[in-house]
Protein backbone atom coordinates (compact mmCIF):
# COMPACT_ATOMS: atom_id res chain seq x y z
CA MET A 1 71.36 162.36 233.41
CA LEU A 2 71.25 161.73 229.76
CA ILE A 3 74.67 159.98 229.82
CA GLN A 4 73.49 157.85 232.65
CA LYS A 5 70.39 156.73 230.86
CA THR A 6 72.38 156.03 227.64
CA PHE A 7 74.95 153.93 229.59
CA LYS A 8 72.08 151.79 231.13
CA ALA A 9 70.54 151.14 227.73
CA VAL A 10 73.92 150.10 226.17
CA PHE A 11 74.63 147.89 229.21
CA PHE A 12 71.29 146.18 228.85
CA LEU A 13 71.82 145.56 225.12
CA ILE A 14 75.31 144.14 225.71
CA PHE A 15 73.91 141.91 228.35
CA ALA A 16 71.18 140.62 226.22
CA VAL A 17 73.56 139.75 223.29
CA ILE A 18 75.98 137.93 225.77
CA PHE A 19 73.04 136.11 227.34
CA GLY A 20 71.65 135.04 223.85
CA MET A 21 75.23 133.84 222.83
CA ILE A 22 75.63 131.70 226.03
CA PHE A 23 72.33 130.21 226.27
CA GLY A 24 71.65 130.16 222.59
CA SER A 25 74.54 127.85 222.01
CA CYS A 26 72.43 125.13 223.61
CA ASP A 27 69.58 125.71 221.20
CA ALA A 28 69.49 128.27 218.57
CA LEU A 29 65.74 128.39 218.54
CA ASP A 30 65.61 129.44 222.13
CA PHE A 31 67.13 132.78 221.41
CA LEU A 32 64.33 135.30 221.85
CA PHE A 33 64.53 138.02 219.23
CA PRO A 34 62.84 141.30 220.35
CA SER A 35 59.39 141.81 219.01
CA ALA A 36 56.24 143.58 219.71
CA GLY A 37 54.50 140.10 220.20
CA ASN A 38 51.29 141.10 218.33
CA TYR A 39 50.85 137.95 216.24
CA LYS A 40 47.46 136.45 217.12
CA VAL A 41 48.18 132.72 217.40
CA ILE A 42 45.63 130.55 218.91
CA VAL A 43 45.51 126.72 219.57
CA LEU A 44 42.37 124.97 218.66
CA VAL A 45 41.20 121.61 220.15
CA ASN A 46 38.40 120.25 217.98
CA ASP A 47 37.93 123.90 216.76
CA VAL A 48 37.60 125.12 220.38
CA PRO A 49 40.30 127.63 221.45
CA LEU A 50 42.41 126.80 224.59
CA ASP A 51 41.23 130.18 225.96
CA ASP A 52 37.90 128.62 226.24
CA CYS A 53 38.78 125.06 227.28
CA SER A 54 42.13 123.64 228.45
CA PHE A 55 41.61 119.85 228.03
CA ALA A 56 42.59 117.50 225.21
CA ARG A 57 42.05 113.75 224.62
CA ALA A 58 44.00 111.16 222.66
CA GLU A 59 41.48 111.43 219.71
CA ASP A 60 41.18 115.09 219.60
CA LYS A 61 42.28 117.33 216.69
CA ILE A 62 44.79 119.92 217.69
CA ARG A 63 46.02 122.57 215.31
CA PRO A 64 47.41 126.15 215.65
CA TYR A 65 45.83 129.00 213.82
CA PHE A 66 46.55 132.65 212.94
CA GLU A 67 43.57 134.64 213.80
CA GLU A 68 44.81 137.43 211.48
CA SER A 69 46.46 137.02 208.09
CA VAL A 70 50.32 137.00 208.10
CA SER A 71 50.84 136.17 204.45
CA GLU A 72 52.04 139.73 203.71
CA ASP A 73 54.55 139.81 206.75
CA PRO A 74 58.06 139.21 205.29
CA ASP A 75 59.64 138.55 208.76
CA ILE A 76 57.76 135.28 209.33
CA SER A 77 59.19 132.10 207.99
CA SER A 78 57.51 129.36 210.06
CA LEU A 79 55.26 128.56 213.17
CA MET A 80 56.49 126.00 215.63
CA ILE A 81 54.33 124.10 218.20
CA PHE A 82 55.40 121.66 220.94
CA LEU A 83 54.70 120.35 224.43
CA ARG A 84 56.59 120.85 227.70
CA ASP A 85 56.13 118.82 230.84
CA SER A 86 55.93 119.97 234.44
CA ARG A 87 59.75 120.09 234.48
CA GLY A 88 60.01 122.27 231.50
CA GLU A 89 61.52 119.50 229.31
CA VAL A 90 60.15 119.10 225.73
CA VAL A 91 57.96 116.15 225.21
CA GLY A 92 58.00 114.44 221.86
CA GLU A 93 58.91 116.35 218.54
CA ARG A 94 58.59 120.01 217.81
CA THR A 95 56.38 120.51 214.89
CA VAL A 96 57.37 123.26 212.44
CA TYR A 97 55.03 124.61 209.73
CA CYS A 98 57.57 126.15 207.43
CA LEU A 99 57.50 128.21 204.29
CA ASP A 100 61.12 127.59 203.55
CA ASN A 101 62.23 123.92 203.91
CA ASP A 102 65.79 124.95 203.89
CA GLU A 103 65.40 125.88 207.51
CA ALA A 104 64.84 122.24 208.62
CA GLN A 105 66.84 121.33 211.80
CA GLU A 106 67.64 117.95 213.05
CA GLY A 107 65.26 116.58 215.75
CA ASP A 108 62.13 118.63 214.64
CA TYR A 109 59.29 117.49 212.44
CA TYR A 110 58.98 119.88 209.52
CA ILE A 111 55.74 120.24 207.52
CA PRO A 112 56.19 122.44 204.31
CA VAL A 113 53.08 124.72 203.69
CA GLN A 114 52.25 127.18 200.97
CA SER A 115 50.76 129.58 203.40
CA LEU A 116 50.54 130.03 207.23
CA ASP A 117 47.06 131.43 206.93
CA GLY A 118 43.89 129.26 207.08
CA ASP A 119 43.79 125.68 208.35
CA LEU A 120 47.28 124.20 209.08
CA PRO A 121 47.73 120.46 209.37
CA GLU A 122 46.97 118.82 212.76
CA PHE A 123 49.56 118.81 215.46
CA THR A 124 50.08 115.18 216.66
CA LEU A 125 50.60 114.36 220.35
CA PRO A 126 52.98 111.70 221.37
CA GLY A 127 51.39 108.21 221.44
CA ASP A 128 52.73 107.38 224.86
CA LEU A 129 51.82 110.61 226.49
CA ARG A 130 50.68 110.22 230.03
CA MET A 131 47.55 111.79 231.50
CA GLY A 132 48.39 115.08 233.27
CA ARG A 133 49.22 118.79 232.99
CA TYR A 134 51.43 120.14 230.10
CA THR A 135 52.41 123.42 228.60
CA ILE A 136 51.60 123.82 224.81
CA VAL A 137 54.02 126.27 223.27
CA THR A 138 53.72 128.16 219.95
CA GLN A 139 56.52 130.19 218.51
CA VAL A 140 56.37 132.51 215.50
CA MET A 141 59.68 132.18 213.81
CA GLY A 142 61.83 134.44 211.53
CA GLY A 143 64.55 132.17 210.37
CA ARG A 144 66.11 130.98 213.62
CA ASN A 145 64.83 133.95 215.59
CA ILE A 146 61.78 133.70 217.72
CA LEU A 147 59.41 136.57 217.00
CA GLN A 148 56.87 135.57 219.52
CA ARG A 149 56.22 132.83 222.04
CA VAL A 150 53.00 131.91 223.49
CA GLU A 151 52.58 129.35 226.22
CA LYS A 152 49.22 127.85 227.35
CA GLU A 153 48.43 125.33 230.09
CA ILE A 154 46.63 122.20 228.95
CA TYR A 155 45.39 118.97 230.63
CA TYR A 156 45.79 115.67 228.76
CA LEU A 157 43.07 113.26 229.50
CA GLY A 158 44.44 110.42 227.35
CA ARG A 159 41.44 108.07 226.55
CA ASN A 160 39.35 109.07 229.58
CA HIS A 161 35.95 110.42 228.91
CA PHE A 162 34.95 113.91 230.36
CA SER A 163 32.10 116.03 229.28
CA TYR A 164 29.75 118.67 230.75
CA ASP A 165 26.28 119.13 229.30
CA GLY A 166 24.87 121.74 231.48
CA ILE A 167 23.04 122.44 234.70
CA ASN A 168 19.90 120.60 235.80
CA VAL A 169 17.47 122.55 238.03
CA TYR A 170 15.15 120.71 240.64
CA LEU A 171 12.55 122.37 242.82
CA PRO A 172 11.60 121.23 246.29
CA GLY A 173 8.07 119.62 246.52
CA VAL A 174 5.88 119.21 243.57
CA ALA A 175 5.22 122.43 241.77
CA GLU A 176 2.99 122.93 238.62
CA SER A 177 5.89 124.69 236.83
CA SER A 178 9.66 124.34 237.29
CA HIS A 179 10.09 127.68 235.49
CA LEU A 180 8.81 129.72 238.40
CA ILE A 181 10.95 129.59 241.54
CA PRO A 182 9.15 130.72 244.60
CA ARG A 183 10.75 133.18 246.79
CA ASP A 184 13.01 131.67 249.57
CA ALA A 185 12.60 128.23 248.00
CA VAL A 186 15.71 126.02 248.17
CA ILE A 187 16.42 124.62 244.74
CA MET A 188 18.97 121.90 243.86
CA LEU A 189 21.45 122.52 241.03
CA GLU A 190 23.07 119.47 239.48
CA ALA A 191 26.14 119.58 237.13
CA ASN A 192 25.30 117.12 234.36
CA ILE A 193 28.84 115.57 233.97
CA ASP A 194 29.85 112.45 232.32
CA PHE A 195 33.33 111.17 233.14
CA SER A 196 35.48 108.07 233.46
CA SER A 197 35.59 106.28 236.75
CA ASN A 198 39.18 107.02 237.48
CA LEU A 199 38.47 110.82 237.37
CA ASP A 200 37.17 112.95 240.22
CA PRO A 201 36.16 116.25 238.64
CA TYR A 202 36.38 119.59 240.57
CA ILE A 203 33.52 121.98 240.31
CA VAL A 204 33.41 125.70 241.19
CA TRP A 205 29.86 127.27 241.53
CA TYR A 206 29.13 130.91 240.99
CA GLU A 207 26.21 133.20 241.61
CA GLY A 208 26.96 136.09 239.07
CA ARG A 209 30.71 136.53 239.68
CA LYS A 210 30.58 135.49 243.44
CA LYS A 211 32.01 132.15 244.09
CA ILE A 212 29.49 130.28 246.36
CA PHE A 213 30.92 126.74 246.57
CA GLU A 214 33.63 124.47 245.18
CA GLY A 215 34.84 120.87 245.74
CA LYS A 216 35.21 117.40 244.22
CA VAL A 217 32.34 115.41 242.79
CA SER A 218 33.24 112.61 245.30
CA GLU A 219 32.62 115.06 248.06
CA GLY A 220 29.23 115.99 246.79
CA ALA A 221 30.07 119.02 244.84
CA GLY A 222 28.21 117.91 241.76
CA ARG A 223 24.97 119.01 243.49
CA GLN A 224 24.51 122.43 245.05
CA PHE A 225 21.64 123.98 247.00
CA TRP A 226 20.70 127.60 246.32
CA LYS A 227 18.06 129.52 248.36
CA ALA A 228 16.12 131.98 246.20
CA PRO A 229 16.18 135.58 247.46
CA GLU A 230 13.18 137.36 248.73
CA GLN A 231 13.14 139.69 245.82
CA SER A 232 11.83 138.60 242.43
CA GLY A 233 13.73 138.83 239.12
CA PHE A 234 16.35 137.00 237.09
CA PHE A 235 19.43 135.56 238.71
CA SER A 236 22.45 134.09 236.80
CA LEU A 237 24.26 130.95 238.08
CA HIS A 238 26.99 129.00 236.48
CA ALA A 239 29.41 126.28 237.25
CA GLU A 240 33.06 125.65 235.92
CA VAL A 241 34.18 122.09 235.78
CA TYR A 242 37.74 120.66 235.69
CA PRO A 243 38.89 116.97 235.45
CA VAL A 244 41.19 117.41 238.59
CA ASP A 245 41.47 119.68 241.55
CA ASN A 246 44.81 121.03 240.48
CA PHE A 247 43.26 123.48 238.00
CA ASP A 248 45.37 126.66 238.35
CA GLY A 249 46.06 128.00 234.96
CA LEU A 250 43.44 125.78 233.27
CA VAL A 251 40.26 126.84 231.72
CA GLY A 252 37.39 124.63 232.74
CA TYR A 253 34.10 123.74 230.98
CA GLN A 254 31.56 126.61 231.76
CA LYS A 255 27.83 126.25 231.70
CA GLY A 256 25.26 128.68 233.17
CA ILE A 257 21.53 129.26 233.57
CA SER A 258 19.23 132.09 234.29
CA ILE A 259 16.68 131.57 236.99
CA LEU A 260 13.37 133.51 237.34
CA VAL A 261 12.39 133.99 240.92
CA SER A 262 8.70 134.78 241.00
CA SER A 263 6.70 136.94 243.36
CA MET A 264 3.74 134.62 243.19
CA ASP A 265 2.96 132.30 246.19
CA VAL A 266 3.52 128.69 244.79
CA ASP A 267 2.34 125.92 247.15
CA VAL A 268 4.73 122.94 246.75
CA HIS A 269 3.94 121.02 249.87
CA LEU A 270 1.18 118.67 251.24
CA ILE A 271 0.63 120.57 254.52
CA SER A 272 1.60 123.55 256.49
CA ASN A 273 3.11 123.80 259.97
CA ASN A 274 0.10 125.55 261.52
CA ILE A 275 -1.76 122.34 262.30
CA SER A 276 -1.80 121.59 265.98
CA GLN A 277 -1.74 117.82 265.63
CA LEU A 278 1.47 117.90 263.50
CA VAL A 279 4.33 116.47 265.48
CA HIS A 280 7.15 116.26 262.87
CA TRP A 281 7.36 117.70 259.34
CA TYR A 282 10.28 117.07 256.99
CA THR A 283 10.30 118.83 253.68
CA PHE A 284 13.84 117.79 252.77
CA GLU A 285 14.70 121.17 251.29
CA GLY A 286 18.46 120.53 251.15
CA ASN A 287 18.53 119.46 254.80
CA LEU A 288 17.10 116.97 257.29
CA TYR A 289 15.68 119.52 259.65
CA ASP A 290 12.21 119.34 261.14
CA SER A 291 10.30 122.22 259.40
CA LYS A 292 7.90 122.23 262.49
CA THR A 293 10.75 123.43 264.66
CA THR A 294 13.91 124.03 262.64
CA ALA A 295 15.89 125.36 265.63
CA ALA A 296 15.74 122.13 267.62
CA ALA A 297 18.77 119.94 266.48
CA ASP A 298 17.34 116.86 268.40
CA ARG A 299 14.24 116.86 266.06
CA SER A 300 16.45 116.35 262.97
CA ILE A 301 16.67 113.08 261.07
CA VAL A 302 20.04 111.55 261.74
CA PRO A 303 22.02 108.84 259.94
CA VAL A 304 22.61 105.48 261.53
CA SER A 305 26.36 105.01 262.42
CA GLY A 306 28.43 104.42 259.39
CA ASN A 307 25.80 105.83 256.94
CA ASP A 308 25.45 109.16 255.06
CA PHE A 309 22.65 110.87 253.28
CA ARG A 310 22.22 111.36 249.54
CA TRP A 311 20.16 113.72 247.40
CA MET A 312 18.78 112.87 243.91
CA GLY A 313 16.66 114.75 241.35
CA ALA A 314 13.78 113.37 239.39
CA ASN A 315 11.25 114.73 237.10
CA GLY A 316 11.76 118.38 237.98
CA THR A 317 11.88 117.93 241.72
CA TYR A 318 14.54 116.46 244.19
CA GLY A 319 14.43 114.61 247.35
CA PHE A 320 16.18 112.58 250.06
CA VAL A 321 17.23 108.93 249.15
CA THR A 322 17.16 106.03 251.59
CA GLY A 323 18.15 102.42 251.10
CA SER A 324 20.52 99.77 252.37
CA ASP A 325 23.44 102.22 252.76
CA ASN A 326 21.25 105.24 253.61
CA ILE A 327 19.39 104.47 256.85
CA MET A 328 18.07 107.32 258.85
CA ARG A 329 16.38 107.55 262.24
CA LEU A 330 13.72 110.00 263.31
CA PRO A 331 13.46 111.07 266.98
CA LYS A 332 11.79 108.76 269.44
CA ILE A 333 8.13 109.39 270.15
CA PRO A 334 6.81 108.76 273.71
CA VAL A 335 3.47 106.94 274.08
CA LYS A 336 1.23 106.49 277.05
CA ASN A 337 1.12 103.02 278.45
CA ASP A 338 -2.42 101.41 278.87
CA ALA A 339 -3.98 104.16 276.55
CA VAL A 340 -5.45 104.46 273.13
CA GLU A 341 -3.37 106.58 270.79
CA THR A 342 -3.83 107.10 266.99
CA TRP A 343 -0.96 108.29 264.73
CA GLN A 344 -0.83 108.91 260.98
CA VAL A 345 2.40 109.14 258.85
CA LEU A 346 1.83 111.20 255.63
CA PHE A 347 4.43 111.29 253.02
CA ARG A 348 5.19 111.78 249.40
CA SER A 349 7.75 109.50 247.77
CA MET A 350 8.98 107.86 244.58
CA PRO A 351 9.85 104.07 244.60
CA ILE A 352 13.23 103.48 243.10
CA ASN A 353 13.65 99.70 243.82
CA ASP A 354 11.83 97.09 245.76
CA GLY A 355 12.53 97.18 249.48
CA ASP A 356 11.60 98.94 252.64
CA PHE A 357 10.28 102.44 252.71
CA PHE A 358 10.47 102.66 256.43
CA THR A 359 10.07 100.52 259.66
CA VAL A 360 8.46 101.74 262.92
CA GLN A 361 10.15 100.12 265.88
CA LEU A 362 7.31 99.68 268.51
CA GLY A 363 8.20 99.71 272.15
CA ALA A 364 11.34 100.54 274.12
CA SER A 365 12.32 96.78 273.96
CA ASN A 366 11.69 96.69 270.19
CA ASN A 367 9.46 93.57 270.61
CA ALA A 368 7.41 94.57 267.61
CA ASN A 369 7.56 96.55 264.43
CA MET A 370 5.49 97.91 261.60
CA LYS A 371 7.13 97.88 258.18
CA PHE A 372 5.94 99.57 254.96
CA SER A 373 7.64 98.25 251.84
CA MET A 374 7.26 97.59 248.07
CA HIS A 375 7.59 94.46 246.02
CA GLU A 376 6.74 94.08 242.32
CA ASN A 377 4.43 97.13 242.19
CA ASN A 378 2.71 96.13 245.48
CA LEU A 379 2.71 98.18 248.59
CA ILE A 380 2.99 95.91 251.66
CA LEU A 381 2.11 96.86 255.23
CA THR A 382 3.34 94.31 257.77
CA LEU A 383 3.04 94.16 261.65
CA THR A 384 5.37 91.75 263.23
CA SER A 385 5.96 90.59 266.93
CA ALA A 386 8.02 87.90 268.40
CA VAL A 387 5.31 85.26 267.88
CA GLU A 388 3.23 86.51 264.92
CA SER A 389 3.28 88.47 261.65
CA VAL A 390 0.36 89.86 259.65
CA SER A 391 0.54 91.75 256.36
CA GLN A 392 -1.69 93.54 254.03
CA VAL A 393 -0.96 94.09 250.19
CA PHE A 394 -2.13 96.96 248.24
CA GLU A 395 -1.62 96.64 244.39
CA LEU A 396 -0.68 99.78 242.64
CA PRO A 397 -2.39 100.28 239.29
CA GLN A 398 -0.06 100.35 236.27
CA VAL A 399 -1.44 103.65 235.00
CA SER A 400 -2.82 105.40 237.94
CA GLU A 401 -4.54 108.58 238.79
CA ASP A 402 -3.33 108.03 242.27
CA THR A 403 0.19 109.05 241.52
CA ASP A 404 1.35 112.51 240.63
CA GLU A 405 2.32 113.15 237.05
CA ASN A 406 5.95 113.31 238.05
CA GLY A 407 6.00 109.90 239.62
CA PHE A 408 5.59 110.76 243.28
CA LEU A 409 3.13 108.77 245.40
CA THR A 410 1.29 110.50 248.11
CA SER A 411 0.62 107.89 250.91
CA GLY A 412 -0.45 107.62 254.54
CA ILE A 413 -0.23 104.88 257.26
CA THR A 414 -2.61 105.22 260.09
CA PHE A 415 -1.96 103.22 263.17
CA THR A 416 -3.63 102.89 266.48
CA ILE A 417 -1.74 101.75 269.64
CA GLN A 418 -4.07 100.16 272.20
CA PRO A 419 -3.60 98.13 275.36
CA GLY A 420 -2.39 94.75 274.28
CA SER A 421 -2.64 95.33 270.48
CA ILE A 422 -1.95 97.48 267.47
CA SER A 423 -3.95 98.10 264.20
CA ALA A 424 -2.80 99.83 260.98
CA SER A 425 -4.09 100.61 257.49
CA ILE A 426 -2.72 102.02 254.18
CA ASN A 427 -4.16 105.22 252.50
CA ILE A 428 -3.23 106.32 249.00
CA PHE A 429 -4.21 109.78 247.90
CA GLY A 430 -4.77 110.95 244.41
CA LYS A 431 -4.47 114.37 242.88
CA ASN A 432 -7.92 115.19 244.44
CA ILE A 433 -7.55 114.63 248.17
CA ASN A 434 -11.06 113.35 248.28
CA ASN A 435 -10.23 110.50 245.96
CA GLU A 436 -8.72 108.34 248.78
CA LEU A 437 -8.06 104.73 248.39
CA ALA A 438 -8.00 103.26 251.86
CA SER A 439 -7.37 99.72 252.85
CA HIS A 440 -8.99 97.77 255.73
CA PRO A 441 -6.95 97.80 259.05
CA ILE A 442 -4.92 94.82 260.08
CA PHE A 443 -4.51 93.94 263.76
CA LEU A 444 -1.72 92.39 265.84
CA ASP A 445 -1.83 91.32 269.56
CA VAL A 446 1.24 92.86 271.05
CA LYS A 447 1.83 95.14 274.03
CA ILE A 448 3.50 98.53 273.13
CA GLU A 449 5.12 100.36 275.93
CA ASN A 450 6.81 103.78 276.44
CA GLU A 451 7.85 104.78 272.83
CA PHE A 452 8.17 104.16 269.15
CA GLN A 453 10.78 105.26 266.60
CA ILE A 454 10.50 105.59 262.72
CA ILE A 455 13.55 104.40 260.74
CA LEU A 456 13.85 105.22 257.02
CA GLY A 457 15.57 102.83 254.71
CA VAL A 458 16.81 99.18 255.12
CA ILE A 459 16.22 97.00 252.07
CA ASN A 460 13.80 94.09 252.51
CA GLU A 461 16.07 90.94 253.14
CA ASN A 462 13.47 88.81 251.31
CA ALA A 463 13.49 90.89 248.12
CA MET A 464 15.29 89.42 245.16
CA PHE A 465 17.44 91.67 243.06
CA PRO A 466 19.33 91.15 239.76
CA LYS A 467 23.00 90.85 239.92
CA GLU A 468 23.53 93.93 237.94
CA ILE A 469 21.57 96.02 240.36
CA ILE A 470 23.46 94.68 243.45
CA GLU A 471 26.68 95.58 241.72
CA GLU A 472 25.51 99.18 241.41
CA SER A 473 25.43 100.51 244.93
CA GLU A 474 23.36 103.59 243.96
CA ASN A 475 20.65 101.36 242.47
CA LEU A 476 20.25 99.67 245.98
CA SER A 477 18.54 102.81 246.98
CA THR A 478 14.87 102.06 247.79
CA VAL A 479 12.86 105.36 247.83
CA LEU A 480 13.17 109.03 247.00
CA TRP A 481 11.58 111.11 249.74
CA ASP A 482 9.94 114.44 248.93
CA GLU A 483 8.01 115.11 252.16
CA PHE A 484 7.36 113.22 255.41
CA ALA A 485 5.02 114.18 258.30
CA LEU A 486 3.78 112.64 261.52
CA TYR A 487 0.50 113.49 263.11
CA TYR A 488 -1.05 112.82 266.35
CA MET A 489 -4.70 112.00 265.67
CA LEU A 490 -7.14 113.05 268.51
CA PRO A 491 -9.54 110.47 269.87
CA MET A 492 -13.05 110.55 268.51
CA GLU A 493 -14.64 111.91 271.79
CA ILE A 494 -12.31 114.89 271.65
CA LEU A 495 -13.04 115.48 267.92
CA ALA A 496 -16.82 115.16 268.70
CA ALA A 497 -16.51 117.55 271.39
CA GLU A 498 -14.76 120.17 269.05
CA LEU A 499 -17.12 119.51 266.29
CA ASN A 500 -20.42 119.88 268.39
CA PRO A 501 -20.19 123.65 268.78
CA VAL A 502 -19.68 123.97 264.95
CA ILE A 503 -22.57 121.64 264.16
CA ALA A 504 -24.89 123.43 266.65
CA GLU A 505 -23.98 126.79 265.01
CA ASP A 506 -24.68 125.44 261.56
CA ASP A 507 -28.10 124.15 262.74
CA GLU A 508 -29.01 127.53 264.11
CA LEU A 509 -28.00 129.23 260.81
CA GLN A 510 -30.28 126.70 258.89
CA ASN A 511 -33.28 127.35 261.30
CA GLU A 512 -33.11 131.05 260.73
């Protein structure tokens, strides 16, 4: 047995020597001398190790660095650094930081140094280097022998910009504090990335160590919705960002946050779904479901053909965006012909640009419509038929108590469909619901039959936009929706019948 083991060891040694002689004749520096490989060499990009981030730009400063002193090691004579492309070929010159200039070899760039400890001169990337993946190689040399080789994957960005500043957190609705996340609340996480237009970063989201989502920014991965659990406490979330989707072997930018889920009940919405007159209620918590009946797919808001929906955060909360390229339809609402019906649309929104908030198509034949829009800080309610149009303008104050501190506006439109006519009025609600600013109703003679349908979006064709806004498609968004509800308001005689027993009971109590 001992003889057998000895024979195997001798055979391996002979094979290694022959292999080195054959392949070393091509390049003496590629002959690997056996070593323990315990030299701690790291490559710094702008003083950040490649182990922490694998990206480099044309203007970045790259230099190798011995983490532990090697000045007392007699075996080391130089340190070499160079790039290999995806085919394994050396790109540009190999830079050698050498203690003995007599070792200089043709084709390499030698930099004499007094010591390999401390800050070494920068490693210069080739000027014509193309954007893409490379391997950066460092070799600790003892004469012509390689004492240790370390290879690290790196992605070269050229002069493209790519940075990651952290994660923004947005709550649904308007809460008093963004630091307390209610249980079961759906929050929106946004990776704050700045990058050149020809890049499409790839993001991987984690909850603790569990991967919860990944994808390209162009596919919406820059924003991720996370539902807070029922239990309270701190929860750790983080996202790792790469400039491309081919990120195997690379180390991305990593940023994380710690979220406190509170056991306190925090009311972030205008209403609740226990109101009998409530027909539709959309809270836009990461979806377009009807919160009144989430299980019914036919009650959801749906995009018009060729459109998609977009989410956006603002002032600590998030919402659903509509505009010229984000047009959405609510389900059709049946109405009784030759009857009086009163409806109210109650919503919270933030105007982004002038244009249409929504349009109500009145009647199955769409022979009339009601439009609510904004132009130059004026809210405009318009009723239009085939033969007539009537409008009402409500001027928003520049500094108003009637908008929430975070910029969201609470509004209501009340409209009554009658045989042969329709009337409508604007209502603006302040922080105190008793402080209601209501307009006088406007009237239009038109016959509404069978149904109506609400459409969110569509920019006002008459609105004038600067050229720079038109060129930016996202700026063509009109409004950020935070909450949207539709009520059926009972006729006054029914309300009076419901109120009479309560009034009679109050009178009895007062007489006692």
